[in-house]
N, C-alpha and C. Protein backbone atom coordinates (compact mmCIF):
# COMPACT_ATOMS: atom_id res chain seq x y z
N MET A 1 -22.22 -31.28 -9.15
CA MET A 1 -23.43 -31.82 -9.47
C MET A 1 -23.72 -31.46 -10.83
N PHE A 2 -23.43 -29.95 -11.40
CA PHE A 2 -23.59 -29.71 -12.61
C PHE A 2 -22.64 -30.43 -13.56
N VAL A 3 -21.45 -30.66 -13.20
CA VAL A 3 -20.35 -31.20 -13.86
C VAL A 3 -20.65 -32.55 -14.27
N ARG A 4 -21.27 -33.43 -13.12
CA ARG A 4 -21.48 -34.67 -13.62
C ARG A 4 -22.67 -34.87 -14.60
N ARG A 5 -23.55 -33.93 -14.40
CA ARG A 5 -24.80 -33.94 -15.55
C ARG A 5 -24.14 -33.63 -16.80
N TRP A 6 -23.23 -32.67 -16.97
CA TRP A 6 -22.82 -32.32 -18.28
C TRP A 6 -21.84 -33.49 -18.85
N ILE A 7 -21.15 -34.19 -18.01
CA ILE A 7 -20.43 -35.26 -18.44
C ILE A 7 -21.37 -36.37 -18.81
N ARG A 8 -22.47 -36.71 -17.99
CA ARG A 8 -23.50 -37.64 -18.53
C ARG A 8 -24.04 -37.26 -19.79
N ASP A 9 -24.40 -36.05 -19.89
CA ASP A 9 -25.13 -35.45 -21.34
C ASP A 9 -24.23 -35.83 -22.25
N ILE A 10 -22.97 -35.35 -22.09
CA ILE A 10 -21.87 -35.47 -23.29
C ILE A 10 -21.71 -36.97 -23.82
N ARG A 11 -21.56 -37.79 -22.66
CA ARG A 11 -21.43 -39.27 -23.09
C ARG A 11 -22.61 -39.65 -23.90
N THR A 12 -23.89 -39.47 -23.41
CA THR A 12 -25.11 -39.95 -24.07
C THR A 12 -25.18 -39.42 -25.42
N ALA A 13 -24.75 -38.24 -25.70
CA ALA A 13 -24.95 -37.61 -27.03
C ALA A 13 -23.80 -38.11 -27.85
N THR A 14 -22.50 -38.38 -27.57
CA THR A 14 -21.48 -38.76 -28.30
C THR A 14 -20.98 -40.35 -28.38
N LYS A 15 -22.00 -40.99 -27.69
CA LYS A 15 -21.56 -42.46 -27.58
C LYS A 15 -21.21 -43.29 -28.80
N ASN A 16 -21.86 -42.79 -30.08
CA ASN A 16 -21.62 -43.35 -31.28
C ASN A 16 -20.76 -42.46 -31.96
N MET A 17 -19.98 -41.50 -31.55
CA MET A 17 -19.11 -40.62 -32.43
C MET A 17 -17.69 -41.14 -32.21
N GLY A 18 -16.79 -40.80 -33.28
CA GLY A 18 -15.43 -40.95 -33.11
C GLY A 18 -14.60 -39.80 -32.26
N PRO A 19 -13.37 -39.88 -31.94
CA PRO A 19 -12.75 -38.73 -31.19
C PRO A 19 -12.82 -37.41 -31.82
N ALA A 20 -12.71 -37.38 -33.15
CA ALA A 20 -12.70 -36.07 -33.73
C ALA A 20 -14.10 -35.46 -33.59
N ASP A 21 -15.09 -36.26 -33.95
CA ASP A 21 -16.48 -35.67 -33.90
C ASP A 21 -16.81 -35.47 -32.51
N ARG A 22 -16.49 -36.08 -31.46
CA ARG A 22 -16.63 -36.05 -30.30
C ARG A 22 -16.22 -34.56 -29.72
N ALA A 23 -14.88 -34.32 -30.03
CA ALA A 23 -14.13 -32.96 -29.62
C ALA A 23 -14.86 -31.77 -30.40
N GLU A 24 -15.34 -32.10 -31.76
CA GLU A 24 -16.03 -30.83 -32.25
C GLU A 24 -17.42 -30.67 -31.45
N TYR A 25 -18.07 -31.59 -31.25
CA TYR A 25 -19.54 -31.74 -30.52
C TYR A 25 -19.25 -30.86 -29.25
N ILE A 26 -18.33 -31.28 -28.57
CA ILE A 26 -17.98 -30.58 -27.11
C ILE A 26 -17.54 -29.09 -27.46
N ALA A 27 -16.92 -28.90 -28.31
CA ALA A 27 -16.36 -27.54 -28.78
C ALA A 27 -17.60 -26.60 -28.94
N GLU A 28 -18.36 -27.24 -29.73
CA GLU A 28 -19.79 -26.49 -30.38
C GLU A 28 -20.78 -26.04 -29.41
N TYR A 29 -20.98 -27.17 -28.49
CA TYR A 29 -22.00 -27.24 -27.53
C TYR A 29 -21.78 -26.75 -26.23
N TYR A 30 -20.46 -27.07 -25.82
CA TYR A 30 -20.16 -26.79 -24.22
C TYR A 30 -18.94 -25.79 -24.27
N TRP A 31 -18.73 -24.96 -25.21
CA TRP A 31 -17.65 -23.94 -25.12
C TRP A 31 -17.88 -23.15 -24.01
N TYR A 32 -19.09 -22.53 -23.77
CA TYR A 32 -19.17 -21.64 -22.67
C TYR A 32 -18.87 -22.24 -21.21
N HIS A 33 -19.35 -23.64 -21.20
CA HIS A 33 -19.08 -24.27 -19.92
C HIS A 33 -17.52 -24.35 -19.71
N ILE A 34 -16.81 -24.58 -20.62
CA ILE A 34 -15.32 -24.87 -20.59
C ILE A 34 -14.70 -23.46 -20.16
N LEU A 35 -15.36 -22.50 -21.03
CA LEU A 35 -14.81 -20.89 -20.60
C LEU A 35 -15.18 -20.57 -19.17
N LEU A 36 -16.43 -20.90 -18.61
CA LEU A 36 -16.84 -20.56 -17.23
C LEU A 36 -16.05 -21.53 -16.28
N ALA A 37 -15.59 -22.65 -16.53
CA ALA A 37 -14.76 -23.33 -15.81
C ALA A 37 -13.38 -22.80 -15.71
N PHE A 38 -12.81 -22.34 -16.74
CA PHE A 38 -11.44 -21.76 -16.72
C PHE A 38 -11.50 -20.58 -15.89
N LEU A 39 -12.43 -19.81 -16.10
CA LEU A 39 -12.53 -18.53 -15.31
C LEU A 39 -12.81 -18.71 -13.71
N VAL A 40 -13.47 -19.60 -13.29
CA VAL A 40 -13.68 -19.84 -12.05
C VAL A 40 -12.12 -20.45 -11.48
N ILE A 41 -11.58 -21.28 -12.07
CA ILE A 41 -10.30 -21.85 -11.76
C ILE A 41 -9.22 -20.89 -11.65
N GLY A 42 -9.29 -19.76 -12.73
CA GLY A 42 -8.36 -18.65 -12.64
C GLY A 42 -8.67 -17.67 -11.61
N LEU A 43 -9.99 -17.60 -11.24
CA LEU A 43 -10.33 -16.71 -10.09
C LEU A 43 -9.92 -17.20 -8.67
N LEU A 44 -10.08 -18.52 -8.67
CA LEU A 44 -9.59 -19.24 -7.34
C LEU A 44 -7.95 -19.06 -7.00
N ALA A 45 -7.15 -19.26 -8.21
CA ALA A 45 -5.81 -19.25 -8.20
C ALA A 45 -5.50 -17.86 -7.99
N LEU A 46 -6.07 -16.78 -8.42
CA LEU A 46 -5.74 -15.38 -8.01
C LEU A 46 -6.01 -15.16 -6.55
N ILE A 47 -7.23 -15.63 -6.20
CA ILE A 47 -7.38 -15.38 -4.79
C ILE A 47 -6.39 -16.07 -3.87
N VAL A 48 -6.20 -17.15 -4.24
CA VAL A 48 -5.11 -18.06 -3.31
C VAL A 48 -3.75 -17.25 -3.39
N TYR A 49 -3.26 -16.76 -4.48
CA TYR A 49 -2.19 -16.03 -4.66
C TYR A 49 -2.18 -14.80 -3.99
N HIS A 50 -2.96 -14.01 -3.94
CA HIS A 50 -3.20 -12.73 -3.00
C HIS A 50 -3.14 -13.02 -1.65
N VAL A 51 -3.86 -14.07 -1.24
CA VAL A 51 -4.06 -14.33 0.17
C VAL A 51 -2.67 -14.77 0.68
N THR A 52 -1.82 -15.41 -0.23
CA THR A 52 -0.57 -16.25 0.23
C THR A 52 0.62 -15.26 -0.20
N ALA A 53 1.27 -15.69 -1.16
CA ALA A 53 2.51 -15.20 -1.92
C ALA A 53 2.20 -13.75 -2.42
N GLY A 54 1.25 -13.33 -2.89
CA GLY A 54 0.96 -12.07 -3.45
C GLY A 54 0.92 -10.90 -2.36
N ARG A 55 0.56 -11.42 -1.18
CA ARG A 55 0.15 -10.34 -0.10
C ARG A 55 1.47 -9.82 0.37
N ARG A 56 1.82 -8.46 0.16
CA ARG A 56 2.95 -7.96 0.58
C ARG A 56 2.91 -7.60 2.10
N VAL A 57 3.87 -8.19 2.86
CA VAL A 57 3.80 -7.94 4.28
C VAL A 57 4.85 -6.67 4.45
N VAL A 58 4.29 -5.56 5.13
CA VAL A 58 5.18 -4.52 5.24
C VAL A 58 5.64 -4.33 6.77
N SER A 59 6.99 -4.22 7.02
CA SER A 59 7.52 -4.10 8.47
C SER A 59 7.77 -2.71 8.72
N PHE A 60 7.86 -1.67 7.82
CA PHE A 60 7.77 -0.32 8.32
C PHE A 60 7.47 0.49 7.00
N ALA A 61 6.49 1.56 7.33
CA ALA A 61 6.04 2.20 6.04
C ALA A 61 6.11 3.77 6.57
N CYS A 62 6.85 4.39 5.62
CA CYS A 62 6.91 5.99 5.54
C CYS A 62 6.49 6.50 4.53
N ILE A 63 5.35 7.39 4.57
CA ILE A 63 4.78 8.08 3.67
C ILE A 63 5.15 9.70 3.67
N ILE A 64 5.06 10.20 2.32
CA ILE A 64 5.49 11.60 2.22
C ILE A 64 4.23 12.43 1.55
N VAL A 65 3.70 13.30 2.04
CA VAL A 65 2.57 13.87 1.79
C VAL A 65 2.82 15.28 1.13
N ASN A 66 2.14 15.60 -0.11
CA ASN A 66 2.23 16.70 -0.81
C ASN A 66 3.68 17.22 -1.20
N GLU A 67 4.43 16.16 -1.39
CA GLU A 67 5.71 16.60 -2.11
C GLU A 67 5.53 16.07 -3.67
N THR A 68 6.62 16.25 -4.26
CA THR A 68 6.71 15.73 -5.92
C THR A 68 6.79 14.31 -5.73
N VAL A 69 5.85 13.62 -6.48
CA VAL A 69 5.99 12.19 -6.48
C VAL A 69 7.42 11.73 -7.12
N ASP A 70 8.02 10.88 -6.53
CA ASP A 70 9.35 10.51 -7.02
C ASP A 70 9.55 9.12 -6.61
N TYR A 71 9.24 8.16 -7.49
CA TYR A 71 9.51 6.73 -7.31
C TYR A 71 10.81 6.46 -7.14
N GLU A 72 11.69 6.78 -8.02
CA GLU A 72 13.33 6.58 -7.81
C GLU A 72 13.60 7.01 -6.54
N ARG A 73 13.37 8.23 -6.03
CA ARG A 73 13.89 8.56 -4.45
C ARG A 73 13.19 7.61 -3.57
N ASP A 74 12.03 7.50 -3.57
CA ASP A 74 11.31 6.47 -2.75
C ASP A 74 11.79 5.20 -2.45
N SER A 75 12.25 4.60 -3.91
CA SER A 75 12.87 3.34 -3.87
C SER A 75 14.23 3.45 -3.23
N ALA A 76 14.95 4.59 -3.42
CA ALA A 76 16.40 4.74 -2.79
C ALA A 76 16.22 4.77 -1.19
N LEU A 77 15.37 5.52 -0.65
CA LEU A 77 14.89 5.67 0.68
C LEU A 77 14.55 4.22 1.51
N SER A 78 13.79 3.61 0.48
CA SER A 78 13.25 2.38 1.07
C SER A 78 14.68 1.52 1.47
N GLY A 79 15.53 1.40 0.42
CA GLY A 79 16.69 0.61 0.65
C GLY A 79 17.61 1.15 1.86
N GLU A 80 17.66 2.50 2.04
CA GLU A 80 18.61 2.98 3.09
C GLU A 80 17.66 2.65 4.41
N PHE A 81 16.44 2.96 4.39
CA PHE A 81 15.90 2.61 5.71
C PHE A 81 15.90 1.07 6.09
N ALA A 82 15.75 0.36 5.11
CA ALA A 82 16.06 -1.27 5.24
C ALA A 82 17.35 -1.43 5.89
N GLU A 83 18.24 -1.00 5.39
CA GLU A 83 19.67 -1.31 5.76
C GLU A 83 19.66 -0.62 7.18
N ALA A 84 19.30 0.57 7.43
CA ALA A 84 19.59 1.07 8.82
C ALA A 84 18.73 0.27 9.96
N LEU A 85 17.60 -0.09 9.53
CA LEU A 85 16.65 -0.94 10.52
C LEU A 85 16.99 -2.32 10.33
N ASN A 86 17.83 -2.78 9.67
CA ASN A 86 18.05 -4.14 9.37
C ASN A 86 16.81 -5.09 9.02
N LEU A 87 16.21 -4.42 8.11
CA LEU A 87 14.80 -5.25 7.59
C LEU A 87 15.10 -5.48 6.24
N ASP A 88 14.07 -6.60 5.74
CA ASP A 88 14.17 -6.93 4.41
C ASP A 88 13.67 -5.77 3.49
N PRO A 89 14.49 -5.27 2.59
CA PRO A 89 14.07 -4.08 1.60
C PRO A 89 12.69 -4.41 1.07
N ASP A 90 12.24 -5.53 0.84
CA ASP A 90 10.99 -5.69 0.06
C ASP A 90 9.90 -5.34 1.17
N ARG A 91 10.30 -5.43 2.43
CA ARG A 91 9.14 -4.98 3.42
C ARG A 91 9.19 -3.79 4.06
N VAL A 92 9.97 -2.84 3.32
CA VAL A 92 10.04 -1.34 3.61
C VAL A 92 9.40 -0.66 2.49
N ARG A 93 8.37 0.25 2.97
CA ARG A 93 7.63 0.95 2.07
C ARG A 93 7.82 2.53 2.33
N VAL A 94 8.39 3.33 1.06
CA VAL A 94 8.25 4.81 1.18
C VAL A 94 7.57 5.09 0.09
N ASP A 95 6.49 5.77 0.10
CA ASP A 95 5.48 6.16 -0.67
C ASP A 95 5.15 7.68 -0.72
N SER A 96 5.65 8.29 -1.85
CA SER A 96 5.26 9.84 -2.09
C SER A 96 3.99 10.03 -2.68
N ASP A 97 3.25 9.07 -3.16
CA ASP A 97 2.01 9.31 -4.01
C ASP A 97 0.94 9.60 -3.17
N TYR A 98 0.99 10.83 -2.47
CA TYR A 98 -0.12 11.24 -1.61
C TYR A 98 -0.43 12.90 -1.81
N ARG A 99 -1.43 13.18 -2.62
CA ARG A 99 -1.66 14.58 -2.83
C ARG A 99 -3.03 14.87 -2.13
N ILE A 100 -3.06 15.68 -1.24
CA ILE A 100 -4.16 15.91 -0.41
C ILE A 100 -4.53 17.26 -0.42
N SER A 101 -5.74 17.54 -0.48
CA SER A 101 -6.27 19.06 -0.06
C SER A 101 -7.00 18.84 1.31
N TYR A 102 -7.13 19.95 1.90
CA TYR A 102 -7.70 19.86 3.26
C TYR A 102 -8.06 21.47 3.71
N THR A 103 -8.73 21.64 4.67
CA THR A 103 -9.38 22.81 4.97
C THR A 103 -8.32 24.10 4.99
N GLY A 104 -8.42 24.96 4.11
CA GLY A 104 -7.57 26.08 4.00
C GLY A 104 -6.44 25.93 3.01
N HIS A 105 -6.29 24.59 2.41
CA HIS A 105 -5.22 24.36 1.55
C HIS A 105 -5.78 23.39 0.40
N GLU A 106 -5.56 24.13 -0.86
CA GLU A 106 -6.08 23.37 -1.98
C GLU A 106 -4.89 22.74 -2.70
N GLN A 107 -4.52 21.47 -2.83
CA GLN A 107 -3.40 21.01 -3.52
C GLN A 107 -3.45 20.57 -4.99
N LYS A 108 -2.75 21.35 -5.75
CA LYS A 108 -2.83 21.06 -7.28
C LYS A 108 -2.55 19.65 -7.55
N GLY A 109 -3.38 18.96 -8.44
CA GLY A 109 -3.14 17.71 -8.59
C GLY A 109 -3.83 16.69 -7.63
N ASN A 110 -4.47 17.27 -6.56
CA ASN A 110 -4.91 16.27 -5.50
C ASN A 110 -6.03 15.25 -5.91
N ASN A 111 -5.98 14.20 -5.11
CA ASN A 111 -6.98 13.11 -5.64
C ASN A 111 -7.65 12.68 -4.42
N GLU A 112 -9.11 12.61 -4.50
CA GLU A 112 -9.87 12.43 -3.37
C GLU A 112 -9.46 11.03 -2.70
N SER A 113 -9.13 10.18 -3.57
CA SER A 113 -8.84 8.71 -3.07
C SER A 113 -7.57 8.58 -2.23
N ASP A 114 -6.57 9.87 -2.53
CA ASP A 114 -5.52 9.79 -1.64
C ASP A 114 -5.83 10.28 -0.34
N TYR A 115 -6.77 11.12 0.05
CA TYR A 115 -7.20 11.55 1.17
C TYR A 115 -7.82 10.33 2.04
N GLU A 116 -8.70 9.67 1.42
CA GLU A 116 -9.29 8.41 2.01
C GLU A 116 -8.19 7.46 2.36
N LYS A 117 -7.36 7.21 1.26
CA LYS A 117 -6.31 6.05 1.46
C LYS A 117 -5.44 6.51 2.69
N PHE A 118 -5.13 7.66 2.80
CA PHE A 118 -4.23 8.39 3.98
C PHE A 118 -4.78 8.08 5.35
N PHE A 119 -5.95 8.54 5.50
CA PHE A 119 -6.81 8.56 6.97
C PHE A 119 -7.17 6.98 7.06
N PHE A 120 -7.35 5.96 5.97
CA PHE A 120 -7.82 4.93 6.23
C PHE A 120 -6.45 4.01 6.60
N GLY A 121 -5.31 4.22 5.98
CA GLY A 121 -4.09 3.65 6.52
C GLY A 121 -3.62 3.91 7.89
N TRP A 122 -4.09 5.37 8.12
CA TRP A 122 -3.63 5.82 9.68
C TRP A 122 -4.59 5.11 10.59
N SER A 123 -5.60 4.87 10.41
CA SER A 123 -6.60 4.37 11.36
C SER A 123 -6.38 2.77 11.52
N GLU A 124 -5.94 2.26 10.58
CA GLU A 124 -5.53 0.88 10.46
C GLU A 124 -4.17 0.42 10.83
N GLY A 125 -3.48 1.57 11.52
CA GLY A 125 -2.02 1.33 11.79
C GLY A 125 -1.20 0.92 10.90
N GLU A 126 -1.21 1.21 9.72
CA GLU A 126 -0.46 0.99 8.51
C GLU A 126 0.68 2.00 8.16
N LEU A 127 0.59 3.20 8.87
CA LEU A 127 1.45 4.35 8.75
C LEU A 127 2.34 4.27 9.85
N ASP A 128 3.74 4.25 9.80
CA ASP A 128 4.68 4.32 10.83
C ASP A 128 5.21 5.72 11.03
N ALA A 129 5.77 6.28 9.97
CA ALA A 129 6.12 7.59 9.78
C ALA A 129 5.65 8.31 8.69
N ILE A 130 5.46 9.59 9.14
CA ILE A 130 4.73 10.48 7.95
C ILE A 130 5.47 11.74 7.75
N VAL A 131 6.00 12.24 6.48
CA VAL A 131 6.60 13.39 6.34
C VAL A 131 5.39 14.17 5.65
N LEU A 132 5.25 15.52 6.41
CA LEU A 132 4.05 16.14 5.96
C LEU A 132 4.30 17.64 6.31
N PRO A 133 3.54 18.51 5.59
CA PRO A 133 3.69 19.99 5.84
C PRO A 133 3.06 20.48 7.46
N GLU A 134 3.57 21.36 7.93
CA GLU A 134 2.94 21.80 9.49
C GLU A 134 1.47 22.01 9.24
N SER A 135 0.98 22.62 8.20
CA SER A 135 -0.33 22.89 8.24
C SER A 135 -1.10 21.76 8.03
N PHE A 136 -0.62 20.54 7.33
CA PHE A 136 -1.53 19.43 7.30
C PHE A 136 -1.49 18.65 8.71
N LEU A 137 -0.28 18.74 9.33
CA LEU A 137 -0.16 18.18 10.64
C LEU A 137 -1.27 18.81 11.66
N SER A 138 -1.51 20.12 11.47
CA SER A 138 -2.44 20.87 12.36
C SER A 138 -3.96 20.19 12.14
N TYR A 139 -4.11 20.06 10.81
CA TYR A 139 -5.27 19.44 10.24
C TYR A 139 -5.60 18.16 10.76
N CYS A 140 -4.43 17.14 10.71
CA CYS A 140 -4.71 16.03 11.18
C CYS A 140 -4.93 15.99 12.81
N GLU A 141 -4.30 16.75 13.55
CA GLU A 141 -4.57 16.78 14.99
C GLU A 141 -6.02 17.31 15.26
N GLU A 142 -6.48 18.29 14.37
CA GLU A 142 -7.80 18.70 14.55
C GLU A 142 -8.91 17.71 14.23
N VAL A 143 -8.90 16.85 13.37
CA VAL A 143 -9.55 15.68 13.13
C VAL A 143 -9.31 14.44 13.91
N GLY A 144 -8.62 14.54 15.12
CA GLY A 144 -8.43 13.58 15.93
C GLY A 144 -7.31 12.64 15.77
N GLY A 145 -6.31 12.92 14.88
CA GLY A 145 -5.05 11.84 14.73
C GLY A 145 -4.31 12.11 15.97
N GLU A 146 -3.91 11.02 16.51
CA GLU A 146 -3.02 10.84 17.66
C GLU A 146 -1.68 10.51 17.23
N LEU A 147 -0.62 11.05 17.90
CA LEU A 147 0.73 10.98 17.43
C LEU A 147 1.60 10.57 18.74
N ARG A 148 2.59 9.72 18.31
CA ARG A 148 3.51 9.42 19.44
C ARG A 148 4.54 10.70 19.73
N ALA A 149 4.82 10.84 21.12
CA ALA A 149 5.79 12.02 21.44
C ALA A 149 7.10 11.53 20.94
N VAL A 150 7.96 12.40 20.33
CA VAL A 150 9.31 12.21 19.97
C VAL A 150 10.29 12.64 20.80
N SER A 151 9.91 13.33 22.02
CA SER A 151 10.97 13.78 22.91
C SER A 151 10.18 13.92 24.26
N GLU A 152 11.08 13.89 25.37
CA GLU A 152 10.58 14.11 26.61
C GLU A 152 9.78 15.22 27.11
N ASP A 153 9.66 16.28 26.27
CA ASP A 153 8.87 17.50 26.41
C ASP A 153 7.66 17.21 25.80
N GLY A 154 7.32 15.98 25.22
CA GLY A 154 6.18 15.89 24.49
C GLY A 154 5.83 16.30 23.04
N ALA A 155 6.97 16.70 22.63
CA ALA A 155 6.83 17.27 21.17
C ALA A 155 6.35 15.95 20.19
N VAL A 156 5.56 16.28 19.46
CA VAL A 156 5.11 15.02 18.53
C VAL A 156 5.62 15.20 16.93
N SER A 157 6.54 16.19 16.72
CA SER A 157 7.05 16.37 15.45
C SER A 157 8.63 16.66 15.51
N ILE A 158 9.35 16.07 14.38
CA ILE A 158 10.67 16.57 14.08
C ILE A 158 10.70 17.46 12.72
N PRO A 159 11.36 18.48 12.96
CA PRO A 159 11.42 19.42 11.63
C PRO A 159 12.31 18.68 10.66
N LEU A 160 12.04 18.53 9.52
CA LEU A 160 12.74 17.86 8.41
C LEU A 160 14.18 18.46 8.12
N ARG A 161 14.25 19.68 8.51
CA ARG A 161 15.51 20.25 8.20
C ARG A 161 16.39 19.77 9.44
N LYS A 162 16.08 19.19 10.29
CA LYS A 162 16.99 18.81 11.50
C LYS A 162 17.26 17.34 11.42
N THR A 163 17.08 16.71 10.08
CA THR A 163 17.13 15.21 10.02
C THR A 163 18.04 14.88 8.82
N LYS A 164 18.38 13.63 8.81
CA LYS A 164 19.17 13.03 7.43
C LYS A 164 18.55 13.35 6.19
N LEU A 165 17.19 13.42 6.32
CA LEU A 165 16.26 13.56 5.13
C LEU A 165 16.22 15.06 4.45
N GLN A 166 16.91 16.02 5.18
CA GLN A 166 17.09 17.27 4.66
C GLN A 166 17.71 17.19 3.24
N GLY A 167 17.28 18.07 2.28
CA GLY A 167 17.65 18.04 0.90
C GLY A 167 17.17 16.87 -0.05
N ARG A 168 16.84 15.83 0.72
CA ARG A 168 16.15 14.78 -0.08
C ARG A 168 14.81 14.86 -0.39
N ILE A 169 14.01 15.61 0.35
CA ILE A 169 12.62 15.95 0.37
C ILE A 169 12.43 17.49 0.41
N ARG A 170 11.79 17.95 -0.56
CA ARG A 170 11.54 19.37 -0.76
C ARG A 170 10.85 19.96 0.64
N ASP A 171 11.50 21.22 0.95
CA ASP A 171 10.94 21.70 2.15
C ASP A 171 10.61 23.14 1.96
N ASP A 172 9.25 23.48 2.12
CA ASP A 172 8.89 24.93 1.78
C ASP A 172 8.95 25.83 3.09
N GLY A 173 9.67 26.99 2.91
CA GLY A 173 9.90 27.79 4.05
C GLY A 173 8.66 28.26 4.60
N ASN A 174 7.53 28.58 3.77
CA ASN A 174 6.44 28.94 4.30
C ASN A 174 5.59 27.94 4.92
N ASP A 175 5.87 26.75 4.78
CA ASP A 175 4.98 25.67 5.33
C ASP A 175 5.74 24.49 5.59
N PRO A 176 6.82 24.51 6.62
CA PRO A 176 7.99 23.69 6.58
C PRO A 176 7.25 22.30 6.71
N MET A 177 8.19 21.09 6.26
CA MET A 177 7.90 19.64 6.43
C MET A 177 8.43 19.23 7.58
N VAL A 178 7.65 18.55 8.35
CA VAL A 178 7.89 17.67 9.66
C VAL A 178 7.74 16.25 9.38
N ILE A 179 8.26 15.50 10.42
CA ILE A 179 8.05 14.06 10.59
C ILE A 179 7.43 13.69 11.76
N VAL A 180 6.30 12.96 11.68
CA VAL A 180 5.49 12.56 12.71
C VAL A 180 5.32 11.08 12.72
N PHE A 181 4.84 10.45 14.01
CA PHE A 181 4.70 9.05 14.08
C PHE A 181 3.15 8.78 14.51
N PRO A 182 2.28 8.40 13.87
CA PRO A 182 1.04 8.04 14.30
C PRO A 182 1.02 6.96 15.52
N ALA A 183 0.22 7.28 16.48
CA ALA A 183 0.33 6.53 17.81
C ALA A 183 -0.28 4.95 17.41
N ASP A 184 -1.21 4.90 16.48
CA ASP A 184 -1.44 3.61 16.10
C ASP A 184 -0.63 2.78 15.12
N GLY A 185 0.53 3.21 14.76
CA GLY A 185 1.45 2.75 13.94
C GLY A 185 1.92 1.15 14.57
N LEU A 186 1.75 0.20 13.83
CA LEU A 186 1.88 -1.18 14.10
C LEU A 186 3.30 -1.43 14.73
N HIS A 187 4.21 -0.86 13.95
CA HIS A 187 5.70 -1.28 14.17
C HIS A 187 6.47 -0.26 15.21
N GLU A 188 6.26 -0.42 16.41
CA GLU A 188 6.80 0.53 17.56
C GLU A 188 8.50 0.42 17.54
N GLU A 189 8.82 -0.64 17.49
CA GLU A 189 10.38 -1.02 17.70
C GLU A 189 10.98 -0.26 16.42
N GLU A 190 10.37 -0.64 15.13
CA GLU A 190 11.05 -0.21 14.08
C GLU A 190 10.96 1.49 14.11
N THR A 191 9.82 1.95 14.56
CA THR A 191 9.55 3.41 14.44
C THR A 191 10.79 3.96 15.25
N ALA A 192 10.81 3.53 16.64
CA ALA A 192 11.84 4.04 17.39
C ALA A 192 13.08 4.25 16.94
N ALA A 193 13.60 3.07 16.08
CA ALA A 193 14.97 2.91 15.36
C ALA A 193 14.99 3.83 14.29
N PHE A 194 13.87 4.00 13.63
CA PHE A 194 13.94 4.94 12.61
C PHE A 194 14.15 6.32 13.02
N ALA A 195 13.48 6.70 14.14
CA ALA A 195 13.46 8.09 14.79
C ALA A 195 14.82 8.30 15.18
N GLU A 196 15.52 7.35 15.82
CA GLU A 196 17.11 7.43 16.28
C GLU A 196 17.96 7.50 14.89
N TYR A 197 17.68 6.83 13.98
CA TYR A 197 18.40 6.91 12.62
C TYR A 197 18.37 8.25 12.17
N ILE A 198 17.26 8.74 11.95
CA ILE A 198 17.14 10.14 10.99
C ILE A 198 17.66 11.24 12.04
N TRP A 199 17.84 11.05 13.32
CA TRP A 199 18.40 12.12 14.20
C TRP A 199 19.80 12.23 14.50
N GLU A 200 20.53 10.93 13.86
CA GLU A 200 22.03 10.67 14.17
C GLU A 200 22.76 11.95 13.65
N GLY A 201 23.66 12.39 14.31
CA GLY A 201 24.60 13.33 13.56
C GLY A 201 24.05 14.68 13.63
């Protein structure tokens, strides 16, 4: 509607002008209309990209809480897990960028958004495996986090020192790291295969 009116107004105002004068008139009086049109087109293209090709589909997500952030290690682990689970490497996510403080534990360099990101991801089933300190596991259970049992006796955690990840992720003797599997994790088959993989040997 607006575009038709603008075109009609431009035609009326420039009917006796040559091409150069017409272009100059449009540039002078309608530049903001042109800018607005490009912004709208760009925004629509961005939305379409994010909904289609830009949206990263994850087939397995493992996060590491309160450890040194190491993107190189995370990338290497992503590749190893993808190969072990026979998944596309682009669909496996390992992320150590979670610095979380909780009751009784103040984490240096913590970020409040990491706390929210962590529990939102848990509630939405986005987290399949979590490497975290025992004290934080206790906190998660206190606030209602439900976990999958990892053995017939009902245990819900695997000590990091008893897995293939020992030595790859720092383990504090005073607050040992464990691996757990949220009950709401969406990728049950991949999670079971991962648990078997890290226990091998």
